[in-house]
Amino acid sequence: MRIFVIFVLTAYSHLLHAFTITVPKDQYVVEYGSNVTIECHFQVQKQLDLLSLVVYWEKEDKQIIQFVHGKEDAKAQHSSFRHRAWLLEDQLFKGNAALLITDVKLQDAGVYCCVIGYGGADYKRITLKVNVSMIDVENCSTCDMNSRNQNDTLFEET
């Protein structure tokens, strides 16, 4: 059995390090109501083949981006991100699966997962924290400060 395992690991060892993704920052801190671009980098050899690329962005149980075979499936996007979150497709050719979120809300705070498949697969987790000033809190008619659960990232007063 040990010989079989060594054979399999040797035969497929090129796949173990063939594809990895990196993140320039594992935590972003942004102001309530601002925009943020969260980056997830991957290697592109020569020219990017969009038909071979798969990109998913998720926040906990909410699907944000589903990009498969050169197309983004807008129907898969969770309603809380609709018309506020986009994959910056022009950045894909640079090896950057960048997620743009506009008009950041308190509910956007939390852990995001970037999953990329391109001749291999990898994922990274990135935390988003949202700062709120007292002016924002006073003007926020839709903020429910008491409904946060323990998985929400604490907002910070500035």
N, C-alpha and C. Protein backbone atom coordinates (compact mmCIF):
# COMPACT_ATOMS: atom_id res chain seq x y z
N MET A 1 0.83 -1.19 0.00
CA MET A 1 0.00 0.00 0.00
C MET A 1 0.87 1.25 0.00
N ARG A 2 1.92 1.27 0.79
CA ARG A 2 2.80 2.43 0.87
C ARG A 2 3.41 2.74 -0.50
N ILE A 3 3.80 1.73 -1.25
CA ILE A 3 4.38 1.94 -2.58
C ILE A 3 3.34 2.57 -3.50
N PHE A 4 2.10 2.13 -3.42
CA PHE A 4 1.04 2.70 -4.25
C PHE A 4 0.85 4.19 -3.94
N VAL A 5 0.83 4.54 -2.66
CA VAL A 5 0.67 5.94 -2.25
C VAL A 5 1.84 6.77 -2.77
N ILE A 6 3.05 6.27 -2.64
CA ILE A 6 4.22 7.00 -3.14
C ILE A 6 4.14 7.17 -4.64
N PHE A 7 3.71 6.12 -5.35
CA PHE A 7 3.57 6.21 -6.81
C PHE A 7 2.54 7.28 -7.19
N VAL A 8 1.40 7.26 -6.52
CA VAL A 8 0.35 8.24 -6.82
C VAL A 8 0.83 9.66 -6.53
N LEU A 9 1.47 9.86 -5.38
CA LEU A 9 1.98 11.19 -5.04
C LEU A 9 3.04 11.66 -6.03
N THR A 10 3.91 10.75 -6.46
CA THR A 10 4.93 11.11 -7.44
C THR A 10 4.30 11.44 -8.78
N ALA A 11 3.35 10.64 -9.19
CA ALA A 11 2.72 10.85 -10.50
C ALA A 11 1.94 12.15 -10.56
N TYR A 12 1.35 12.54 -9.44
CA TYR A 12 0.51 13.74 -9.42
C TYR A 12 1.13 14.90 -8.65
N SER A 13 2.39 14.81 -8.32
CA SER A 13 3.01 15.88 -7.53
C SER A 13 3.01 17.22 -8.25
N HIS A 14 3.05 17.19 -9.57
CA HIS A 14 3.01 18.45 -10.31
C HIS A 14 1.68 19.18 -10.10
N LEU A 15 0.63 18.44 -9.78
CA LEU A 15 -0.67 19.07 -9.54
C LEU A 15 -0.75 19.70 -8.16
N LEU A 16 0.04 19.20 -7.22
CA LEU A 16 -0.02 19.71 -5.86
C LEU A 16 0.45 21.16 -5.77
N HIS A 17 1.40 21.54 -6.60
CA HIS A 17 1.89 22.91 -6.56
C HIS A 17 1.62 23.65 -7.86
N ALA A 18 0.84 23.06 -8.73
CA ALA A 18 0.60 23.65 -10.04
C ALA A 18 -0.29 24.89 -9.96
N PHE A 19 -1.19 24.94 -9.01
CA PHE A 19 -2.11 26.06 -8.96
C PHE A 19 -2.34 26.51 -7.52
N THR A 20 -1.98 27.73 -7.25
CA THR A 20 -2.29 28.33 -5.95
C THR A 20 -2.73 29.77 -6.19
N ILE A 21 -3.57 30.24 -5.31
CA ILE A 21 -3.98 31.64 -5.39
C ILE A 21 -3.42 32.37 -4.17
N THR A 22 -3.25 33.66 -4.33
CA THR A 22 -2.73 34.49 -3.25
C THR A 22 -3.63 35.71 -3.08
N VAL A 23 -3.57 36.28 -1.90
CA VAL A 23 -4.32 37.51 -1.65
C VAL A 23 -3.35 38.56 -1.12
N PRO A 24 -3.42 39.78 -1.66
CA PRO A 24 -2.52 40.82 -1.18
C PRO A 24 -2.83 41.23 0.26
N LYS A 25 -4.10 41.10 0.66
CA LYS A 25 -4.52 41.42 2.03
C LYS A 25 -5.53 40.37 2.47
N ASP A 26 -5.40 39.89 3.71
CA ASP A 26 -6.40 38.94 4.20
C ASP A 26 -7.48 39.64 5.02
N GLN A 27 -7.36 40.97 5.15
CA GLN A 27 -8.39 41.75 5.84
C GLN A 27 -8.48 43.14 5.22
N TYR A 28 -9.71 43.57 4.99
CA TYR A 28 -9.99 44.91 4.48
C TYR A 28 -10.85 45.62 5.52
N VAL A 29 -10.56 46.89 5.75
CA VAL A 29 -11.36 47.72 6.65
C VAL A 29 -11.82 48.92 5.84
N VAL A 30 -13.15 49.08 5.72
CA VAL A 30 -13.70 50.15 4.88
C VAL A 30 -14.78 50.91 5.65
N GLU A 31 -15.08 52.08 5.15
CA GLU A 31 -16.12 52.91 5.75
C GLU A 31 -17.49 52.51 5.22
N TYR A 32 -18.47 52.58 6.08
CA TYR A 32 -19.86 52.35 5.71
C TYR A 32 -20.23 53.26 4.53
N GLY A 33 -20.86 52.70 3.51
CA GLY A 33 -21.29 53.48 2.35
C GLY A 33 -20.25 53.65 1.26
N SER A 34 -19.01 53.22 1.52
CA SER A 34 -17.95 53.36 0.52
C SER A 34 -17.92 52.14 -0.40
N ASN A 35 -16.95 52.11 -1.28
CA ASN A 35 -16.74 50.97 -2.19
C ASN A 35 -15.47 50.25 -1.78
N VAL A 36 -15.41 48.96 -2.06
CA VAL A 36 -14.21 48.18 -1.78
C VAL A 36 -13.97 47.18 -2.91
N THR A 37 -12.70 46.99 -3.24
CA THR A 37 -12.31 45.97 -4.21
C THR A 37 -11.45 44.96 -3.47
N ILE A 38 -11.94 43.73 -3.39
CA ILE A 38 -11.23 42.64 -2.71
C ILE A 38 -10.55 41.80 -3.79
N GLU A 39 -9.25 41.56 -3.63
CA GLU A 39 -8.48 40.91 -4.68
C GLU A 39 -8.07 39.49 -4.32
N CYS A 40 -8.03 38.67 -5.36
CA CYS A 40 -7.62 37.28 -5.26
C CYS A 40 -6.80 36.98 -6.52
N HIS A 41 -5.49 36.71 -6.37
CA HIS A 41 -4.60 36.58 -7.53
C HIS A 41 -4.32 35.11 -7.87
N PHE A 42 -4.17 34.86 -9.16
CA PHE A 42 -3.83 33.53 -9.65
C PHE A 42 -2.87 33.66 -10.83
N GLN A 43 -2.12 32.59 -11.09
CA GLN A 43 -1.14 32.59 -12.18
C GLN A 43 -1.81 32.44 -13.53
N VAL A 44 -1.39 33.26 -14.48
CA VAL A 44 -1.84 33.14 -15.86
C VAL A 44 -0.61 32.92 -16.72
N GLN A 45 -0.54 31.78 -17.37
CA GLN A 45 0.54 31.49 -18.30
C GLN A 45 0.11 31.93 -19.69
N LYS A 46 0.94 32.72 -20.35
CA LYS A 46 0.64 33.21 -21.70
C LYS A 46 -0.67 33.98 -21.69
N GLN A 47 -1.68 33.45 -22.40
CA GLN A 47 -2.96 34.15 -22.51
C GLN A 47 -4.03 33.39 -21.72
N LEU A 48 -4.87 34.12 -21.02
CA LEU A 48 -5.93 33.52 -20.21
C LEU A 48 -6.99 32.88 -21.09
N ASP A 49 -7.36 31.64 -20.75
CA ASP A 49 -8.45 30.94 -21.44
C ASP A 49 -9.69 31.04 -20.55
N LEU A 50 -10.56 31.99 -20.87
CA LEU A 50 -11.75 32.22 -20.05
C LEU A 50 -12.65 30.99 -19.96
N LEU A 51 -12.67 30.18 -21.01
CA LEU A 51 -13.53 28.99 -21.00
C LEU A 51 -13.06 27.95 -20.00
N SER A 52 -11.80 28.03 -19.58
CA SER A 52 -11.26 27.09 -18.60
C SER A 52 -11.27 27.65 -17.18
N LEU A 53 -11.71 28.89 -17.03
CA LEU A 53 -11.65 29.56 -15.74
C LEU A 53 -12.98 29.47 -15.00
N VAL A 54 -12.90 29.18 -13.70
CA VAL A 54 -14.06 29.18 -12.82
C VAL A 54 -13.72 30.08 -11.62
N VAL A 55 -14.60 31.04 -11.34
CA VAL A 55 -14.41 31.94 -10.20
C VAL A 55 -15.70 31.99 -9.40
N TYR A 56 -15.59 31.73 -8.10
CA TYR A 56 -16.72 31.88 -7.18
C TYR A 56 -16.30 32.83 -6.07
N TRP A 57 -17.17 33.74 -5.73
CA TRP A 57 -17.02 34.57 -4.54
C TRP A 57 -18.25 34.31 -3.68
N GLU A 58 -18.00 34.01 -2.40
CA GLU A 58 -19.09 33.74 -1.47
C GLU A 58 -18.83 34.47 -0.16
N LYS A 59 -19.91 34.79 0.53
CA LYS A 59 -19.82 35.30 1.90
C LYS A 59 -20.72 34.41 2.74
N GLU A 60 -20.08 33.64 3.61
CA GLU A 60 -20.80 32.67 4.41
C GLU A 60 -21.68 31.82 3.49
N ASP A 61 -22.98 31.88 3.60
CA ASP A 61 -23.84 31.03 2.77
C ASP A 61 -24.43 31.79 1.58
N LYS A 62 -23.91 32.97 1.29
CA LYS A 62 -24.45 33.78 0.20
C LYS A 62 -23.53 33.77 -1.02
N GLN A 63 -24.07 33.37 -2.15
CA GLN A 63 -23.32 33.37 -3.41
C GLN A 63 -23.27 34.81 -3.92
N ILE A 64 -22.07 35.30 -4.23
CA ILE A 64 -21.92 36.66 -4.74
C ILE A 64 -21.62 36.63 -6.23
N ILE A 65 -20.62 35.85 -6.62
CA ILE A 65 -20.21 35.74 -8.02
C ILE A 65 -20.10 34.27 -8.38
N GLN A 66 -20.62 33.94 -9.55
CA GLN A 66 -20.44 32.60 -10.12
C GLN A 66 -20.07 32.81 -11.58
N PHE A 67 -18.76 32.70 -11.87
CA PHE A 67 -18.23 32.91 -13.22
C PHE A 67 -17.72 31.57 -13.73
N VAL A 68 -18.40 31.02 -14.74
CA VAL A 68 -18.06 29.70 -15.26
C VAL A 68 -18.05 29.75 -16.78
N HIS A 69 -17.00 29.20 -17.38
CA HIS A 69 -16.88 29.10 -18.85
C HIS A 69 -17.06 30.44 -19.54
N GLY A 70 -16.45 31.47 -18.99
CA GLY A 70 -16.45 32.77 -19.63
C GLY A 70 -17.68 33.62 -19.39
N LYS A 71 -18.60 33.14 -18.54
CA LYS A 71 -19.83 33.90 -18.30
C LYS A 71 -20.15 33.97 -16.81
N GLU A 72 -20.67 35.12 -16.43
CA GLU A 72 -21.12 35.30 -15.05
C GLU A 72 -22.61 35.00 -14.99
N ASP A 73 -23.02 34.20 -14.02
CA ASP A 73 -24.43 33.85 -13.84
C ASP A 73 -25.06 34.82 -12.84
N ALA A 74 -25.71 35.85 -13.36
CA ALA A 74 -26.31 36.88 -12.50
C ALA A 74 -27.45 36.32 -11.66
N LYS A 75 -28.10 35.27 -12.12
CA LYS A 75 -29.22 34.69 -11.37
C LYS A 75 -28.75 34.01 -10.09
N ALA A 76 -27.49 33.61 -10.06
CA ALA A 76 -26.96 32.92 -8.88
C ALA A 76 -26.61 33.89 -7.75
N GLN A 77 -26.57 35.19 -8.05
CA GLN A 77 -26.16 36.18 -7.06
C GLN A 77 -27.24 36.40 -5.99
N HIS A 78 -26.82 36.36 -4.73
CA HIS A 78 -27.73 36.60 -3.62
C HIS A 78 -28.32 38.00 -3.73
N SER A 79 -29.57 38.14 -3.36
CA SER A 79 -30.28 39.41 -3.52
C SER A 79 -29.63 40.57 -2.76
N SER A 80 -28.97 40.29 -1.65
CA SER A 80 -28.35 41.38 -0.88
C SER A 80 -27.15 42.00 -1.59
N PHE A 81 -26.63 41.33 -2.61
CA PHE A 81 -25.49 41.86 -3.37
C PHE A 81 -25.89 42.32 -4.77
N ARG A 82 -27.14 42.09 -5.15
CA ARG A 82 -27.58 42.44 -6.49
C ARG A 82 -27.43 43.94 -6.74
N HIS A 83 -26.86 44.28 -7.88
CA HIS A 83 -26.60 45.66 -8.31
C HIS A 83 -25.58 46.37 -7.43
N ARG A 84 -24.83 45.61 -6.60
CA ARG A 84 -23.79 46.21 -5.75
C ARG A 84 -22.46 45.47 -5.83
N ALA A 85 -22.45 44.26 -6.38
CA ALA A 85 -21.22 43.47 -6.41
C ALA A 85 -20.95 42.95 -7.82
N TRP A 86 -19.70 43.14 -8.26
CA TRP A 86 -19.32 42.72 -9.61
C TRP A 86 -17.93 42.11 -9.60
N LEU A 87 -17.74 41.16 -10.49
CA LEU A 87 -16.41 40.65 -10.79
C LEU A 87 -15.82 41.57 -11.85
N LEU A 88 -14.63 42.11 -11.60
CA LEU A 88 -14.00 43.01 -12.56
C LEU A 88 -13.32 42.15 -13.63
N GLU A 89 -14.08 41.84 -14.67
CA GLU A 89 -13.64 40.88 -15.68
C GLU A 89 -12.38 41.32 -16.41
N ASP A 90 -12.16 42.61 -16.58
CA ASP A 90 -10.94 43.07 -17.25
C ASP A 90 -9.69 42.72 -16.43
N GLN A 91 -9.84 42.55 -15.13
CA GLN A 91 -8.71 42.19 -14.26
C GLN A 91 -8.35 40.71 -14.35
N LEU A 92 -9.27 39.88 -14.83
CA LEU A 92 -9.00 38.45 -14.94
C LEU A 92 -7.78 38.17 -15.82
N PHE A 93 -7.61 38.95 -16.87
CA PHE A 93 -6.50 38.75 -17.80
C PHE A 93 -5.16 39.05 -17.15
N LYS A 94 -5.18 39.76 -16.03
CA LYS A 94 -3.97 40.06 -15.26
C LYS A 94 -3.79 39.06 -14.12
N GLY A 95 -4.67 38.05 -14.05
CA GLY A 95 -4.60 37.08 -12.96
C GLY A 95 -5.17 37.60 -11.66
N ASN A 96 -6.17 38.47 -11.76
CA ASN A 96 -6.77 39.06 -10.57
C ASN A 96 -8.29 38.89 -10.63
N ALA A 97 -8.82 38.04 -9.76
CA ALA A 97 -10.27 37.86 -9.65
C ALA A 97 -10.77 38.86 -8.62
N ALA A 98 -10.91 40.11 -9.05
CA ALA A 98 -11.24 41.21 -8.14
C ALA A 98 -12.75 41.35 -7.99
N LEU A 99 -13.20 41.41 -6.75
CA LEU A 99 -14.61 41.59 -6.42
C LEU A 99 -14.82 43.03 -5.99
N LEU A 100 -15.68 43.76 -6.70
CA LEU A 100 -16.03 45.13 -6.34
C LEU A 100 -17.38 45.12 -5.64
N ILE A 101 -17.42 45.69 -4.44
CA ILE A 101 -18.68 45.87 -3.71
C ILE A 101 -18.87 47.37 -3.53
N THR A 102 -20.01 47.87 -4.00
CA THR A 102 -20.30 49.30 -3.86
C THR A 102 -21.29 49.52 -2.72
N ASP A 103 -21.31 50.74 -2.21
CA ASP A 103 -22.24 51.12 -1.15
C ASP A 103 -22.24 50.09 -0.01
N VAL A 104 -21.07 49.90 0.58
CA VAL A 104 -20.88 48.87 1.61
C VAL A 104 -21.83 49.08 2.78
N LYS A 105 -22.47 47.99 3.18
CA LYS A 105 -23.44 47.97 4.29
C LYS A 105 -22.82 47.28 5.51
N LEU A 106 -23.43 47.46 6.67
CA LEU A 106 -22.98 46.74 7.86
C LEU A 106 -23.06 45.24 7.65
N GLN A 107 -24.09 44.79 6.95
CA GLN A 107 -24.29 43.36 6.72
C GLN A 107 -23.21 42.76 5.82
N ASP A 108 -22.43 43.60 5.14
CA ASP A 108 -21.36 43.11 4.28
C ASP A 108 -20.14 42.67 5.08
N ALA A 109 -20.04 43.08 6.33
CA ALA A 109 -18.92 42.67 7.18
C ALA A 109 -18.96 41.17 7.38
N GLY A 110 -17.79 40.54 7.34
CA GLY A 110 -17.72 39.10 7.55
C GLY A 110 -16.59 38.48 6.76
N VAL A 111 -16.66 37.17 6.60
CA VAL A 111 -15.61 36.41 5.93
C VAL A 111 -16.07 36.05 4.52
N TYR A 112 -15.24 36.40 3.56
CA TYR A 112 -15.49 36.12 2.15
C TYR A 112 -14.57 34.99 1.71
N CYS A 113 -15.04 34.21 0.76
CA CYS A 113 -14.23 33.12 0.23
C CYS A 113 -14.13 33.27 -1.28
N CYS A 114 -12.90 33.29 -1.76
CA CYS A 114 -12.61 33.35 -3.19
C CYS A 114 -12.18 31.95 -3.61
N VAL A 115 -12.89 31.35 -4.57
CA VAL A 115 -12.57 30.02 -5.07
C VAL A 115 -12.27 30.15 -6.56
N ILE A 116 -11.10 29.66 -6.98
CA ILE A 116 -10.72 29.75 -8.39
C ILE A 116 -10.29 28.38 -8.87
N GLY A 117 -10.80 28.02 -10.04
CA GLY A 117 -10.38 26.81 -10.72
C GLY A 117 -9.82 27.18 -12.08
N TYR A 118 -8.57 26.75 -12.34
CA TYR A 118 -7.94 27.05 -13.62
C TYR A 118 -6.77 26.08 -13.79
N GLY A 119 -7.06 24.89 -14.27
CA GLY A 119 -6.03 23.86 -14.37
C GLY A 119 -5.65 23.30 -13.01
N GLY A 120 -6.42 23.56 -12.02
CA GLY A 120 -6.23 23.21 -10.62
C GLY A 120 -7.22 24.06 -9.85
N ALA A 121 -7.25 23.95 -8.56
CA ALA A 121 -8.21 24.74 -7.78
C ALA A 121 -7.60 25.11 -6.44
N ASP A 122 -8.02 26.27 -5.94
CA ASP A 122 -7.58 26.73 -4.64
C ASP A 122 -8.60 27.74 -4.13
N TYR A 123 -8.52 28.05 -2.85
CA TYR A 123 -9.41 29.07 -2.28
C TYR A 123 -8.67 29.83 -1.19
N LYS A 124 -9.16 31.03 -0.92
CA LYS A 124 -8.64 31.85 0.17
C LYS A 124 -9.82 32.53 0.86
N ARG A 125 -9.65 32.79 2.16
CA ARG A 125 -10.66 33.51 2.94
C ARG A 125 -10.13 34.92 3.25
N ILE A 126 -11.03 35.88 3.16
CA ILE A 126 -10.68 37.28 3.36
C ILE A 126 -11.75 37.91 4.25
N THR A 127 -11.33 38.69 5.23
CA THR A 127 -12.26 39.32 6.16
C THR A 127 -12.51 40.77 5.76
N LEU A 128 -13.76 41.17 5.83
CA LEU A 128 -14.14 42.56 5.58
C LEU A 128 -14.73 43.13 6.87
N LYS A 129 -14.16 44.24 7.33
CA LYS A 129 -14.69 44.97 8.48
C LYS A 129 -15.24 46.29 7.99
N VAL A 130 -16.32 46.74 8.59
CA VAL A 130 -16.98 47.98 8.19
C VAL A 130 -16.95 48.95 9.36
N ASN A 131 -16.37 50.11 9.14
CA ASN A 131 -16.35 51.18 10.15
C ASN A 131 -17.59 52.05 9.97
N VAL A 132 -18.18 52.43 11.09
CA VAL A 132 -19.37 53.28 11.06
C VAL A 132 -19.12 54.48 11.96
N SER A 133 -19.37 55.67 11.44
CA SER A 133 -19.26 56.87 12.27
C SER A 133 -20.61 57.12 12.94
N MET A 134 -20.62 57.94 13.96
CA MET A 134 -21.88 58.26 14.65
C MET A 134 -22.86 58.93 13.70
N ILE A 135 -22.37 59.72 12.77
CA ILE A 135 -23.24 60.37 11.79
C ILE A 135 -23.94 59.31 10.95
N ASP A 136 -23.17 58.28 10.51
CA ASP A 136 -23.77 57.20 9.72
C ASP A 136 -24.85 56.48 10.51
N VAL A 137 -24.60 56.22 11.79
CA VAL A 137 -25.57 55.52 12.62
C VAL A 137 -26.83 56.35 12.78
N GLU A 138 -26.67 57.64 13.02
CA GLU A 138 -27.83 58.52 13.20
C GLU A 138 -28.66 58.63 11.93
N ASN A 139 -28.01 58.55 10.77
CA ASN A 139 -28.71 58.69 9.49
C ASN A 139 -29.17 57.36 8.91
N CYS A 140 -28.86 56.27 9.57
CA CYS A 140 -29.15 54.95 9.01
C CYS A 140 -30.52 54.47 9.46
N SER A 141 -31.49 54.59 8.57
CA SER A 141 -32.85 54.17 8.91
C SER A 141 -33.03 52.67 8.82
N THR A 142 -32.12 51.97 8.10
CA THR A 142 -32.27 50.52 7.93
C THR A 142 -31.31 49.72 8.79
N CYS A 143 -30.52 50.38 9.63
CA CYS A 143 -29.56 49.67 10.48
C CYS A 143 -30.28 49.05 11.67
N ASP A 144 -30.07 47.78 11.87
CA ASP A 144 -30.61 47.11 13.05
C ASP A 144 -29.43 46.62 13.86
N MET A 145 -28.99 47.41 14.81
CA MET A 145 -27.80 47.10 15.59
C MET A 145 -28.00 45.90 16.50
N ASN A 146 -29.24 45.56 16.81
CA ASN A 146 -29.51 44.48 17.75
C ASN A 146 -29.66 43.12 17.08
N SER A 147 -29.68 43.06 15.75
CA SER A 147 -29.93 41.79 15.08
C SER A 147 -28.65 41.09 14.64
N ARG A 148 -27.50 41.59 15.06
CA ARG A 148 -26.24 40.97 14.66
C ARG A 148 -26.10 39.61 15.34
N ASN A 149 -25.54 38.64 14.62
CA ASN A 149 -25.25 37.37 15.26
C ASN A 149 -23.76 37.29 15.54
N GLN A 150 -23.33 36.25 16.21
CA GLN A 150 -21.94 36.18 16.64
C GLN A 150 -20.97 36.03 15.48
N ASN A 151 -21.42 35.66 14.28
CA ASN A 151 -20.53 35.53 13.14
C ASN A 151 -20.26 36.86 12.46
N ASP A 152 -21.06 37.90 12.75
CA ASP A 152 -20.84 39.20 12.15
C ASP A 152 -19.58 39.83 12.72
N THR A 153 -18.86 40.52 11.87
CA THR A 153 -17.69 41.25 12.33
C THR A 153 -18.15 42.52 13.02
N LEU A 154 -17.54 42.83 14.13
CA LEU A 154 -17.92 44.05 14.85
C LEU A 154 -17.62 45.27 14.00
N PHE A 155 -18.54 46.19 13.98
CA PHE A 155 -18.26 47.46 13.32
C PHE A 155 -17.57 48.35 14.33
N GLU A 156 -16.84 49.31 13.81
CA GLU A 156 -16.06 50.18 14.68
C GLU A 156 -16.53 51.61 14.51
N GLU A 157 -16.67 52.31 15.60
CA GLU A 157 -17.08 53.71 15.56
C GLU A 157 -15.85 54.56 15.29
N THR A 158 -15.98 55.52 14.36
CA THR A 158 -14.85 56.41 14.07
C THR A 158 -15.20 57.83 14.43
